[in-house]
N, C-alpha and C. Protein backbone atom coordinates (compact mmCIF):
# COMPACT_ATOMS: atom_id res chain seq x y z
N MET A 1 1.11 -1.30 -0.15
CA MET A 1 -0.20 -0.07 0.21
C MET A 1 0.94 1.31 0.28
N ARG A 2 1.93 1.16 0.53
CA ARG A 2 2.96 2.28 1.03
C ARG A 2 3.46 2.44 -0.48
N GLN A 3 3.55 1.43 -1.07
CA GLN A 3 4.56 1.61 -2.78
C GLN A 3 3.41 2.41 -3.38
N ARG A 4 2.07 2.33 -3.34
CA ARG A 4 1.04 2.40 -4.62
C ARG A 4 1.29 3.76 -3.95
N LEU A 5 0.73 4.62 -2.64
CA LEU A 5 0.69 6.05 -2.50
C LEU A 5 2.27 6.54 -2.89
N LEU A 6 3.38 5.47 -2.73
CA LEU A 6 4.32 6.53 -2.81
C LEU A 6 4.43 6.90 -4.71
N VAL A 7 4.00 6.08 -5.24
CA VAL A 7 3.92 5.83 -6.88
C VAL A 7 2.84 7.36 -7.00
N ALA A 8 1.82 7.04 -6.73
CA ALA A 8 0.56 8.05 -7.28
C ALA A 8 1.14 9.58 -6.31
N PHE A 9 1.97 9.60 -5.71
CA PHE A 9 2.27 10.85 -5.59
C PHE A 9 3.10 11.36 -6.41
N ILE A 10 4.37 10.55 -6.68
CA ILE A 10 5.52 11.28 -7.54
C ILE A 10 4.98 11.39 -8.65
N VAL A 11 3.87 10.69 -9.54
CA VAL A 11 2.85 10.82 -10.72
C VAL A 11 2.41 12.39 -10.67
N LEU A 12 1.60 12.31 -9.24
CA LEU A 12 1.22 13.70 -9.25
C LEU A 12 1.75 15.03 -8.94
N ALA A 13 2.93 14.88 -8.58
CA ALA A 13 4.11 16.06 -8.58
C ALA A 13 4.79 16.09 -9.67
N VAL A 14 5.21 14.92 -10.77
CA VAL A 14 5.36 15.15 -11.93
C VAL A 14 4.40 16.14 -12.89
N VAL A 15 3.15 15.73 -13.17
CA VAL A 15 1.87 15.98 -13.08
C VAL A 15 2.16 17.93 -12.73
N VAL A 16 2.47 18.08 -11.95
CA VAL A 16 2.34 19.52 -11.62
C VAL A 16 3.57 20.27 -11.66
N ILE A 17 4.28 19.63 -11.53
CA ILE A 17 5.59 20.37 -12.34
C ILE A 17 5.18 20.71 -13.65
N ALA A 18 5.21 19.77 -14.39
CA ALA A 18 4.87 19.78 -16.23
C ALA A 18 3.80 20.91 -16.14
N ILE A 19 3.11 20.92 -15.59
CA ILE A 19 1.46 21.82 -15.69
C ILE A 19 2.17 23.60 -15.34
N GLY A 20 3.43 23.36 -14.22
CA GLY A 20 3.46 24.83 -14.08
C GLY A 20 4.61 25.15 -14.90
N ALA A 21 5.61 24.33 -15.29
CA ALA A 21 6.49 24.86 -16.63
C ALA A 21 5.67 25.27 -17.61
N TYR A 22 5.10 24.55 -18.00
CA TYR A 22 4.01 24.68 -19.68
C TYR A 22 3.51 26.52 -18.95
N PHE A 23 2.86 26.89 -18.19
CA PHE A 23 2.77 27.66 -18.08
C PHE A 23 3.50 29.19 -17.73
N TYR A 24 4.60 28.46 -17.10
CA TYR A 24 5.66 29.53 -17.08
C TYR A 24 6.74 29.84 -18.25
N SER A 25 6.76 29.01 -19.36
CA SER A 25 7.16 29.29 -20.61
C SER A 25 5.94 29.56 -21.43
N HIS A 26 5.02 29.61 -21.49
CA HIS A 26 4.35 30.34 -22.04
C HIS A 26 3.51 32.12 -21.93
N GLY A 27 4.33 32.29 -20.68
CA GLY A 27 3.63 33.61 -19.97
C GLY A 27 2.32 33.54 -20.35
N ALA A 28 1.91 32.77 -19.02
CA ALA A 28 0.45 32.79 -17.89
C ALA A 28 0.51 34.25 -17.63
N ALA A 29 1.78 34.54 -16.52
CA ALA A 29 1.40 36.14 -16.26
C ALA A 29 0.47 36.97 -16.76
N SER A 30 0.35 37.39 -17.81
CA SER A 30 0.01 38.08 -18.83
C SER A 30 -1.07 37.42 -19.87
N PRO A 31 -2.17 37.74 -19.76
CA PRO A 31 -3.06 37.38 -20.78
C PRO A 31 -2.91 37.79 -22.28
N PRO A 32 -3.13 36.84 -23.27
CA PRO A 32 -2.93 36.91 -24.18
C PRO A 32 -3.82 37.77 -25.25
N PRO A 33 -3.09 38.34 -26.26
CA PRO A 33 -3.72 39.46 -27.07
C PRO A 33 -5.16 39.25 -27.61
N THR A 34 -6.30 39.99 -27.68
CA THR A 34 -7.34 39.74 -27.77
C THR A 34 -7.49 39.78 -29.51
N PRO A 35 -8.33 38.57 -29.77
CA PRO A 35 -8.38 38.78 -31.32
C PRO A 35 -8.89 40.06 -32.13
N GLY A 36 -8.09 40.25 -33.03
CA GLY A 36 -8.40 41.91 -33.47
C GLY A 36 -7.13 42.76 -33.09
N THR A 37 -6.72 42.95 -31.77
CA THR A 37 -5.59 43.47 -31.15
C THR A 37 -4.79 44.01 -31.96
N LYS A 38 -4.24 45.24 -32.03
CA LYS A 38 -3.09 45.51 -33.03
C LYS A 38 -1.90 45.28 -32.35
N THR A 39 -0.64 44.39 -32.21
CA THR A 39 0.19 44.07 -31.86
C THR A 39 1.32 45.11 -32.16
N GLY A 40 1.52 45.74 -33.17
CA GLY A 40 2.65 46.45 -33.64
C GLY A 40 1.97 47.32 -35.48
N GLN A 41 3.17 48.33 -35.39
CA GLN A 41 2.81 48.59 -36.75
C GLN A 41 2.63 48.06 -37.96
N ALA A 42 1.92 48.16 -38.91
CA ALA A 42 2.01 47.63 -39.64
C ALA A 42 3.35 47.74 -40.84
N LEU A 43 3.94 47.22 -41.47
CA LEU A 43 5.10 47.51 -42.21
C LEU A 43 4.64 48.08 -43.80
N ILE A 44 4.11 48.76 -44.35
CA ILE A 44 3.85 49.37 -45.20
C ILE A 44 3.99 51.07 -45.64
N GLY A 45 4.52 51.00 -46.72
CA GLY A 45 5.61 52.61 -46.32
C GLY A 45 6.41 52.70 -46.53
N GLY A 46 7.51 53.81 -47.30
CA GLY A 46 8.72 53.98 -46.80
C GLY A 46 9.01 54.60 -47.81
N PRO A 47 10.06 55.07 -47.63
CA PRO A 47 10.86 56.41 -48.46
C PRO A 47 10.95 55.93 -50.35
N PHE A 48 10.82 56.94 -50.95
CA PHE A 48 10.69 56.64 -52.49
C PHE A 48 11.27 58.14 -53.60
N ALA A 49 11.44 57.40 -54.39
CA ALA A 49 12.13 59.13 -55.22
C ALA A 49 11.89 58.85 -56.41
N LEU A 50 10.95 59.65 -57.16
CA LEU A 50 10.61 59.22 -58.40
C LEU A 50 10.57 60.76 -59.39
N VAL A 51 9.52 59.94 -60.75
CA VAL A 51 9.48 61.91 -61.37
C VAL A 51 7.83 61.80 -61.49
N ASP A 52 7.81 62.90 -61.14
CA ASP A 52 6.16 63.17 -61.58
C ASP A 52 5.70 63.54 -63.32
N GLN A 53 4.35 63.80 -63.51
CA GLN A 53 3.99 64.14 -64.95
C GLN A 53 4.12 64.96 -64.97
N GLU A 54 4.98 66.11 -64.45
CA GLU A 54 5.92 67.61 -64.84
C GLU A 54 7.32 67.33 -64.85
N GLY A 55 7.56 66.25 -64.86
CA GLY A 55 9.30 66.16 -64.87
C GLY A 55 9.87 66.22 -63.59
N ARG A 56 9.16 66.70 -62.55
CA ARG A 56 9.64 67.17 -61.25
C ARG A 56 9.94 66.05 -60.08
N ARG A 57 11.28 65.87 -59.66
CA ARG A 57 12.06 64.84 -58.99
C ARG A 57 10.46 64.92 -57.87
N VAL A 58 10.33 63.80 -56.88
CA VAL A 58 9.29 63.33 -56.07
C VAL A 58 9.47 62.35 -54.86
N THR A 59 9.30 62.97 -53.50
CA THR A 59 9.98 62.09 -52.35
C THR A 59 8.91 61.82 -51.97
N ASP A 60 8.93 60.83 -50.91
CA ASP A 60 7.96 60.63 -49.75
C ASP A 60 7.79 61.88 -49.02
N GLY A 61 8.70 62.94 -48.94
CA GLY A 61 8.26 63.82 -47.92
C GLY A 61 8.16 65.35 -48.70
N ALA A 62 8.07 64.81 -49.80
CA ALA A 62 7.28 65.91 -50.39
C ALA A 62 5.75 66.70 -50.53
N PHE A 63 5.59 66.42 -49.29
CA PHE A 63 4.25 66.95 -49.02
C PHE A 63 3.82 67.09 -47.06
N PRO A 64 4.80 68.20 -47.32
CA PRO A 64 4.50 68.24 -45.37
C PRO A 64 3.50 68.69 -45.11
N GLY A 65 2.66 68.03 -43.94
CA GLY A 65 1.88 68.09 -43.38
C GLY A 65 0.08 67.34 -44.05
N ARG A 66 0.91 66.66 -45.05
CA ARG A 66 -0.71 66.25 -46.14
C ARG A 66 -0.55 64.95 -45.73
N PHE A 67 -1.95 64.49 -45.76
CA PHE A 67 -1.64 62.72 -45.64
C PHE A 67 -1.70 62.42 -47.54
N MET A 68 -0.88 61.37 -47.39
CA MET A 68 -0.64 60.63 -49.03
C MET A 68 -1.89 59.54 -49.06
N LEU A 69 -2.30 59.55 -50.03
CA LEU A 69 -3.64 58.84 -50.88
C LEU A 69 -2.39 57.91 -51.83
N VAL A 70 -1.92 56.72 -51.44
CA VAL A 70 -1.37 56.05 -52.59
C VAL A 70 -2.49 54.82 -53.01
N TYR A 71 -1.45 54.99 -54.37
CA TYR A 71 -2.18 54.03 -55.90
C TYR A 71 -1.52 53.27 -56.64
N PHE A 72 -0.96 51.94 -56.74
CA PHE A 72 -0.44 51.62 -57.42
C PHE A 72 -1.29 50.48 -58.66
N GLY A 73 -0.66 51.29 -59.84
CA GLY A 73 -1.23 50.63 -61.25
C GLY A 73 -0.10 51.07 -62.55
N TYR A 74 -1.38 51.01 -63.40
CA TYR A 74 -0.62 51.30 -64.60
C TYR A 74 -1.48 52.05 -66.33
N THR A 75 -1.38 52.47 -66.53
CA THR A 75 -1.80 53.31 -67.72
C THR A 75 -2.62 52.48 -68.97
N ARG A 76 -2.36 51.50 -69.39
CA ARG A 76 -2.93 50.39 -69.95
C ARG A 76 -3.91 49.42 -69.49
N CYS A 77 -3.90 49.42 -67.85
CA CYS A 77 -4.62 48.57 -67.04
C CYS A 77 -6.37 48.93 -67.73
N PRO A 78 -6.82 48.10 -68.41
CA PRO A 78 -8.38 48.01 -68.75
C PRO A 78 -9.60 48.35 -68.37
N ASP A 79 -9.18 48.29 -66.83
CA ASP A 79 -10.18 48.16 -65.94
C ASP A 79 -10.12 48.79 -64.74
N GLN A 80 -9.44 47.90 -63.64
CA GLN A 80 -9.55 48.29 -62.28
C GLN A 80 -8.65 49.47 -62.02
N CYS A 81 -7.18 49.43 -62.86
CA CYS A 81 -6.71 50.84 -62.57
C CYS A 81 -7.73 52.22 -62.71
N PRO A 82 -8.64 52.52 -63.83
CA PRO A 82 -9.16 53.92 -64.27
C PRO A 82 -10.45 54.15 -62.85
N LEU A 83 -11.16 52.69 -62.94
CA LEU A 83 -11.91 52.58 -61.85
C LEU A 83 -11.88 53.08 -60.36
N ASP A 84 -10.31 52.80 -59.66
CA ASP A 84 -10.04 52.96 -58.89
C ASP A 84 -9.55 54.47 -57.93
N LEU A 85 -9.19 54.88 -59.21
CA LEU A 85 -8.60 56.16 -59.46
C LEU A 85 -9.91 57.36 -59.58
N ASP A 86 -10.61 56.34 -60.39
CA ASP A 86 -11.94 57.14 -60.42
C ASP A 86 -12.60 57.60 -58.69
N THR A 87 -12.57 56.40 -58.30
CA THR A 87 -13.14 55.92 -57.10
C THR A 87 -12.76 57.39 -56.03
N MET A 88 -10.93 57.26 -56.01
CA MET A 88 -10.33 58.61 -55.48
C MET A 88 -10.83 59.48 -56.03
N THR A 89 -10.56 59.72 -57.08
CA THR A 89 -11.15 61.64 -57.33
C THR A 89 -12.73 61.52 -56.76
N GLN A 90 -13.68 60.99 -57.13
CA GLN A 90 -14.82 60.95 -56.21
C GLN A 90 -15.11 61.59 -54.80
N ALA A 91 -14.05 60.73 -54.12
CA ALA A 91 -14.39 60.54 -52.56
C ALA A 91 -13.32 61.62 -52.44
N LEU A 92 -12.48 62.45 -52.66
CA LEU A 92 -11.77 63.67 -52.25
C LEU A 92 -12.61 65.09 -52.60
N ASP A 93 -13.61 64.96 -53.89
CA ASP A 93 -14.63 65.86 -54.17
C ASP A 93 -15.58 65.76 -53.06
N GLN A 94 -16.18 64.31 -52.84
CA GLN A 94 -17.29 64.79 -51.47
C GLN A 94 -17.13 65.43 -50.13
N MET A 95 -15.67 64.80 -49.83
CA MET A 95 -14.91 65.31 -48.79
C MET A 95 -15.41 66.73 -48.37
N PRO A 96 -15.03 67.07 -46.88
CA PRO A 96 -15.33 68.55 -46.84
C PRO A 96 -13.99 69.47 -47.17
N ALA A 97 -14.14 70.40 -47.85
CA ALA A 97 -12.76 70.89 -48.92
C ALA A 97 -12.02 70.88 -47.73
N ASP A 98 -11.85 71.35 -46.81
CA ASP A 98 -10.76 71.38 -45.50
C ASP A 98 -10.11 70.51 -45.08
N LEU A 99 -11.12 69.06 -45.18
CA LEU A 99 -10.06 67.70 -44.85
C LEU A 99 -9.43 67.56 -46.32
N SER A 100 -10.21 67.54 -47.10
CA SER A 100 -10.20 66.76 -48.38
C SER A 100 -8.44 67.79 -48.98
N ALA A 101 -8.45 69.09 -48.74
CA ALA A 101 -7.45 69.51 -48.70
C ALA A 101 -5.70 69.38 -48.16
N ARG A 102 -6.20 68.39 -47.36
CA ARG A 102 -4.85 67.77 -46.26
C ARG A 102 -4.28 66.83 -47.20
N VAL A 103 -5.35 66.00 -47.93
CA VAL A 103 -4.55 64.74 -48.99
C VAL A 103 -4.47 64.85 -49.77
N GLN A 104 -2.97 64.23 -50.39
CA GLN A 104 -2.79 64.15 -51.74
C GLN A 104 -2.82 62.88 -52.00
N PRO A 105 -3.63 62.61 -53.23
CA PRO A 105 -3.63 61.74 -53.96
C PRO A 105 -2.06 61.57 -54.99
N VAL A 106 -1.40 60.28 -54.72
CA VAL A 106 -0.41 59.64 -56.03
C VAL A 106 -0.99 58.37 -56.52
N PHE A 107 -0.31 58.51 -57.66
CA PHE A 107 -0.53 57.02 -58.40
C PHE A 107 0.88 57.07 -58.69
N ILE A 108 1.23 55.92 -58.55
CA ILE A 108 2.67 55.02 -58.77
C ILE A 108 2.58 54.05 -59.95
N THR A 109 2.94 54.27 -61.18
CA THR A 109 3.06 53.49 -61.66
C THR A 109 3.96 51.97 -61.71
N VAL A 110 3.43 50.59 -61.90
CA VAL A 110 4.05 49.40 -61.88
C VAL A 110 4.21 48.93 -62.93
N ASP A 111 4.52 50.21 -64.25
CA ASP A 111 5.09 49.62 -65.76
C ASP A 111 6.04 50.53 -65.70
N PRO A 112 6.93 51.34 -65.64
CA PRO A 112 7.32 51.85 -65.61
C PRO A 112 8.00 52.18 -67.48
N THR A 113 8.38 51.00 -67.92
CA THR A 113 8.72 50.63 -69.12
C THR A 113 7.90 51.53 -70.19
N ARG A 114 6.38 51.23 -70.31
CA ARG A 114 5.60 52.01 -70.91
C ARG A 114 5.10 53.31 -70.24
N ASP A 115 5.02 53.45 -69.12
CA ASP A 115 4.38 54.61 -68.22
C ASP A 115 5.46 55.65 -68.42
N THR A 116 6.05 56.28 -69.52
CA THR A 116 7.17 57.70 -69.36
C THR A 116 6.21 58.69 -68.59
N GLN A 117 7.02 59.55 -68.44
CA GLN A 117 6.74 60.51 -67.54
C GLN A 117 5.44 61.80 -69.07
N ALA A 118 5.44 61.68 -70.20
CA ALA A 118 4.42 62.13 -71.16
C ALA A 118 3.40 61.09 -70.76
N VAL A 119 3.82 59.80 -71.01
CA VAL A 119 2.20 59.37 -70.96
C VAL A 119 1.46 59.14 -69.19
N MET A 120 2.30 59.40 -68.25
CA MET A 120 1.34 59.95 -67.22
C MET A 120 1.17 61.12 -67.21
N HIS A 121 1.55 62.22 -68.05
CA HIS A 121 0.74 63.39 -68.16
C HIS A 121 -0.61 63.70 -68.38
N ASP A 122 -0.75 62.58 -69.84
CA ASP A 122 -2.00 62.54 -70.40
C ASP A 122 -2.65 61.61 -69.49
N TYR A 123 -2.48 60.69 -68.67
CA TYR A 123 -3.24 60.38 -68.32
C TYR A 123 -3.99 60.59 -67.20
N ALA A 124 -3.05 61.57 -65.78
CA ALA A 124 -3.33 61.95 -64.92
C ALA A 124 -4.32 63.48 -65.47
N GLY A 125 -4.46 63.97 -66.70
CA GLY A 125 -5.46 64.70 -66.36
C GLY A 125 -6.89 64.31 -66.30
N HIS A 126 -7.28 62.74 -66.51
CA HIS A 126 -8.85 62.13 -66.42
C HIS A 126 -8.72 62.09 -65.36
N PHE A 127 -7.98 62.58 -64.30
CA PHE A 127 -8.22 61.86 -62.80
C PHE A 127 -8.58 63.76 -61.90
N HIS A 128 -8.17 63.13 -60.65
CA HIS A 128 -8.21 64.51 -60.02
C HIS A 128 -7.34 65.23 -59.78
N PRO A 129 -7.32 66.57 -60.34
CA PRO A 129 -6.53 67.94 -60.71
C PRO A 129 -5.08 68.04 -59.85
N ARG A 130 -5.13 67.18 -58.62
CA ARG A 130 -3.76 67.47 -57.72
C ARG A 130 -3.33 65.95 -57.41
N LEU A 131 -3.66 65.35 -58.57
CA LEU A 131 -3.06 63.55 -58.72
C LEU A 131 -1.83 64.19 -58.85
N GLU A 132 -0.46 63.50 -58.06
CA GLU A 132 0.87 63.61 -58.23
C GLU A 132 1.37 61.72 -58.98
N ALA A 133 1.09 62.10 -60.36
CA ALA A 133 1.41 60.46 -61.41
C ALA A 133 2.71 60.41 -61.53
N LEU A 134 3.42 59.14 -60.61
CA LEU A 134 4.58 59.73 -60.53
C LEU A 134 5.44 57.72 -61.51
N THR A 135 6.59 58.08 -61.82
CA THR A 135 7.16 57.19 -62.74
C THR A 135 8.52 57.19 -62.46
N GLY A 136 9.19 56.58 -62.73
CA GLY A 136 10.83 56.41 -62.31
C GLY A 136 11.53 55.34 -63.25
N SER A 137 12.92 54.96 -62.94
CA SER A 137 13.56 53.89 -63.68
C SER A 137 12.91 52.70 -63.09
N LYS A 138 13.21 51.43 -63.56
CA LYS A 138 12.95 50.06 -63.43
C LYS A 138 13.55 50.13 -61.35
N ASP A 139 14.29 50.56 -61.53
CA ASP A 139 14.71 50.30 -59.85
C ASP A 139 14.10 51.39 -58.79
N GLU A 140 14.04 52.45 -59.66
CA GLU A 140 12.92 53.20 -58.35
C GLU A 140 11.69 52.74 -58.31
N VAL A 141 11.21 52.37 -59.33
CA VAL A 141 9.79 52.05 -58.83
C VAL A 141 9.58 50.73 -58.20
N ASP A 142 10.70 50.13 -58.67
CA ASP A 142 10.81 48.51 -57.35
C ASP A 142 10.62 49.06 -55.87
N ALA A 143 11.99 49.81 -55.61
CA ALA A 143 11.65 50.23 -54.47
C ALA A 143 10.50 50.54 -53.63
N ALA A 144 9.82 51.50 -54.70
CA ALA A 144 8.70 52.22 -53.94
C ALA A 144 7.63 50.54 -54.14
N VAL A 145 7.62 49.81 -54.95
CA VAL A 145 6.75 48.57 -55.05
C VAL A 145 6.78 47.68 -53.72
N LYS A 146 8.31 47.69 -53.20
CA LYS A 146 8.67 46.81 -52.47
C LYS A 146 8.55 47.76 -50.99
N ALA A 147 8.68 48.83 -50.67
CA ALA A 147 8.08 49.35 -49.27
C ALA A 147 6.83 49.04 -49.52
N TYR A 148 5.64 49.20 -50.09
CA TYR A 148 4.61 49.48 -49.82
C TYR A 148 4.29 47.73 -50.16
N ARG A 149 4.90 46.61 -50.35
CA ARG A 149 4.35 45.21 -50.36
C ARG A 149 3.56 45.17 -51.14
N VAL A 150 3.86 45.72 -52.67
CA VAL A 150 2.58 45.45 -53.74
C VAL A 150 3.10 44.49 -54.74
N TYR A 151 1.78 43.54 -54.73
CA TYR A 151 2.43 42.27 -55.72
C TYR A 151 2.66 42.65 -57.26
N VAL A 152 3.56 42.31 -58.07
CA VAL A 152 3.69 42.79 -59.60
C VAL A 152 3.63 41.75 -59.83
N HIS A 153 3.03 41.33 -61.13
CA HIS A 153 3.48 40.06 -61.80
C HIS A 153 3.82 40.72 -63.49
N LYS A 154 4.71 40.65 -64.45
CA LYS A 154 4.60 41.23 -65.96
C LYS A 154 4.23 39.89 -66.47
N GLY A 155 2.78 40.13 -67.26
CA GLY A 155 2.65 38.67 -67.98
C GLY A 155 3.18 38.98 -69.56
N ARG A 156 2.73 37.68 -70.29
CA ARG A 156 3.47 37.69 -71.47
C ARG A 156 2.95 38.85 -72.58
N PRO A 157 3.34 39.22 -73.58
CA PRO A 157 2.80 40.01 -74.43
C PRO A 157 1.87 38.80 -75.87
N ALA A 158 0.75 39.72 -75.86
CA ALA A 158 0.36 38.87 -76.93
C ALA A 158 0.95 38.13 -78.39
N THR A 159 1.71 39.14 -78.59
CA THR A 159 2.22 39.20 -79.97
C THR A 159 3.93 38.71 -79.28
N ALA A 160 4.50 37.68 -79.88
CA ALA A 160 6.11 38.02 -79.40
C ALA A 160 7.02 38.89 -80.22
N GLY A 161 7.58 39.59 -78.81
CA GLY A 161 8.40 40.97 -79.04
C GLY A 161 7.41 41.95 -78.92
N GLY A 162 6.12 41.62 -78.93
CA GLY A 162 5.13 43.26 -78.70
C GLY A 162 5.06 43.55 -77.30
N ASP A 163 4.80 44.95 -77.13
CA ASP A 163 4.52 45.56 -75.42
C ASP A 163 3.14 45.52 -75.15
N ASP A 164 2.47 44.33 -75.63
CA ASP A 164 0.79 44.62 -75.26
C ASP A 164 0.76 43.73 -74.30
N TYR A 165 1.80 43.32 -72.85
CA TYR A 165 1.97 42.30 -72.09
C TYR A 165 0.53 43.11 -71.09
N PRO A 166 0.02 42.25 -70.23
CA PRO A 166 -0.29 42.51 -68.91
C PRO A 166 0.10 42.99 -67.87
N VAL A 167 0.10 43.58 -66.86
CA VAL A 167 0.60 43.51 -65.75
C VAL A 167 -0.60 43.03 -64.32
N ASP A 168 -0.18 42.11 -63.52
CA ASP A 168 -0.95 41.65 -62.16
C ASP A 168 -0.41 42.64 -61.50
N HIS A 169 -1.52 42.93 -60.82
CA HIS A 169 -0.96 43.66 -59.76
C HIS A 169 -1.78 44.08 -58.21
N SER A 170 -1.79 43.89 -57.24
CA SER A 170 -2.23 44.35 -56.50
C SER A 170 -3.37 45.65 -55.96
N ALA A 171 -3.95 45.81 -56.09
CA ALA A 171 -4.99 47.14 -56.03
C ALA A 171 -5.57 47.93 -54.92
N PHE A 172 -4.65 47.82 -53.97
CA PHE A 172 -5.38 48.55 -52.59
C PHE A 172 -5.28 49.93 -52.87
N THR A 173 -5.72 51.08 -52.51
CA THR A 173 -5.54 52.53 -52.36
C THR A 173 -4.90 52.21 -50.48
N PHE A 174 -3.93 53.09 -50.48
CA PHE A 174 -3.02 53.22 -48.67
C PHE A 174 -3.13 54.73 -48.69
N LEU A 175 -3.82 54.86 -47.21
CA LEU A 175 -3.79 55.98 -46.70
C LEU A 175 -2.17 56.12 -45.87
N MET A 176 -1.81 57.30 -46.15
CA MET A 176 -0.64 57.56 -44.94
C MET A 176 -0.65 58.53 -44.30
N ALA A 177 -0.10 58.64 -43.16
CA ALA A 177 -0.27 60.08 -42.40
C ALA A 177 0.91 60.68 -42.69
N PRO A 178 0.65 61.99 -42.44
CA PRO A 178 1.95 63.19 -42.54
C PRO A 178 3.55 62.60 -42.37
N ASP A 179 3.28 61.94 -41.39
CA ASP A 179 4.43 61.39 -40.56
C ASP A 179 5.17 59.99 -40.95
N GLY A 180 4.54 59.37 -42.10
CA GLY A 180 4.71 58.96 -42.96
C GLY A 180 4.09 57.15 -42.43
N ARG A 181 3.06 56.94 -41.23
CA ARG A 181 2.72 56.32 -40.59
C ARG A 181 1.81 55.61 -41.73
N TYR A 182 1.44 53.94 -41.57
CA TYR A 182 0.41 53.52 -42.44
C TYR A 182 -0.89 53.67 -41.32
N LEU A 183 -2.23 54.17 -42.03
CA LEU A 183 -2.98 54.37 -41.59
C LEU A 183 -4.48 53.44 -41.87
N ALA A 184 -4.53 53.17 -43.15
CA ALA A 184 -5.70 52.44 -43.31
C ALA A 184 -5.17 52.08 -45.06
N HIS A 185 -6.16 51.13 -45.46
CA HIS A 185 -6.28 50.94 -46.92
C HIS A 185 -7.45 50.69 -47.59
N PHE A 186 -8.01 50.91 -48.72
CA PHE A 186 -8.90 50.61 -48.88
C PHE A 186 -8.87 49.60 -49.87
N SER A 187 -10.03 48.74 -50.51
CA SER A 187 -10.00 47.37 -51.01
C SER A 187 -10.59 47.71 -52.52
N PRO A 188 -10.04 47.42 -53.59
CA PRO A 188 -10.90 47.56 -54.71
C PRO A 188 -12.52 46.67 -54.39
N GLY A 189 -13.27 47.96 -55.12
CA GLY A 189 -14.41 47.87 -55.24
C GLY A 189 -15.05 48.78 -54.11
N THR A 190 -14.61 49.45 -53.11
CA THR A 190 -15.30 50.80 -52.06
C THR A 190 -15.79 51.34 -52.82
N SER A 191 -16.84 52.00 -52.75
CA SER A 191 -17.69 53.10 -53.36
C SER A 191 -16.66 54.32 -52.59
N PRO A 192 -17.37 54.80 -53.76
CA PRO A 192 -16.82 56.51 -53.41
C PRO A 192 -17.28 57.65 -51.96
N ASP A 193 -18.92 56.90 -51.94
CA ASP A 193 -19.15 57.19 -50.54
C ASP A 193 -18.70 56.89 -49.27
N ASP A 194 -18.29 55.65 -49.15
CA ASP A 194 -17.50 54.55 -48.36
C ASP A 194 -16.15 55.48 -48.19
N MET A 195 -15.42 55.48 -48.80
CA MET A 195 -14.38 56.17 -49.30
C MET A 195 -13.78 57.47 -48.29
N ALA A 196 -15.02 58.31 -48.78
CA ALA A 196 -14.99 59.79 -48.41
C ALA A 196 -15.29 59.73 -47.10
N LYS A 197 -16.35 58.83 -46.62
CA LYS A 197 -16.85 58.80 -45.23
C LYS A 197 -15.52 58.50 -43.95
N ARG A 198 -15.24 57.63 -44.48
CA ARG A 198 -13.55 56.77 -44.10
C ARG A 198 -12.40 57.84 -43.91
N LEU A 199 -12.16 57.96 -45.06
CA LEU A 199 -11.17 59.20 -45.29
C LEU A 199 -11.45 60.47 -43.95
N ALA A 200 -12.36 61.14 -44.19
CA ALA A 200 -12.51 62.29 -43.58
C ALA A 200 -12.27 61.76 -41.82
N SER A 201 -12.73 60.72 -42.08
CA SER A 201 -13.12 60.47 -40.18
C SER A 201 -11.00 60.28 -40.05
N LEU A 202 -10.61 59.77 -40.96
CA LEU A 202 -9.30 59.31 -40.13
C LEU A 202 -8.64 60.36 -40.52
N VAL A 203 -8.75 61.37 -41.64
CA VAL A 203 -8.32 62.63 -41.51
C VAL A 203 -8.38 63.58 -40.07
N HIS A 204 -9.56 63.60 -39.93
CA HIS A 204 -9.65 64.44 -38.89
C HIS A 204 -9.26 63.87 -37.63
N ASP A 205 -9.25 62.58 -37.41
CA ASP A 205 -9.04 61.93 -36.11
C ASP A 205 -7.00 61.66 -35.96
N ASN A 206 -6.90 61.85 -37.05
CA ASN A 206 -5.06 62.03 -36.74
C ASN A 206 -4.46 63.12 -37.31
N ALA A 207 -5.37 64.44 -37.86
CA ALA A 207 -4.61 65.46 -37.73
C ALA A 207 -3.73 66.02 -36.71
N ALA A 208 -4.34 66.02 -35.68
CA ALA A 208 -3.89 66.62 -34.42
C ALA A 208 -2.30 65.80 -33.88
N THR A 209 -2.21 64.63 -34.31
CA THR A 209 -1.47 63.33 -33.76
C THR A 209 0.02 63.46 -34.73
N SER A 210 -0.49 64.40 -36.06
CA SER A 210 0.66 63.73 -37.07
C SER A 210 1.79 64.66 -37.28
């Protein structure tokens, strides 16, 4: 009987020690984060140095005190890019004028080979009058694409050696604070009304802290 009790005691002690070790190693002293709680700053955005539709060098620091609304696409995009840029235009026009003035719309090409300064100049004229349409060398554009974690894949041309290739790319519109922090993004298909309301709220709430 004593032997059985001794064995049972040893087993119980081992179990208690194992449980204690588990909770110690997993930080049981502090509760786990609540689902949906932000545990760090999103790693979106960063420095870029490109050329706008007027031939001026433009960097991410060229718009002091303003929020940047950034979209990546290309001028030969058949549908999504013009739709999203038009949504951006309508949203800015629908916002209160004082808040809209604090937002700088930016369009960065993912196809610098075909989207030259002249091409970007003509294309930008179809959208918001304050739109900065940026291009540059492949390395410069690649650096901006990498900073914003944008997916880009150049497809095959329809004709051998032609320049009629498609470019697959993610189509999010990013809102960046004046200090360069990522604030939010808008998914493709967001309506101008919804974008305008959320933009106005974000700009209003973050203006004092930016």
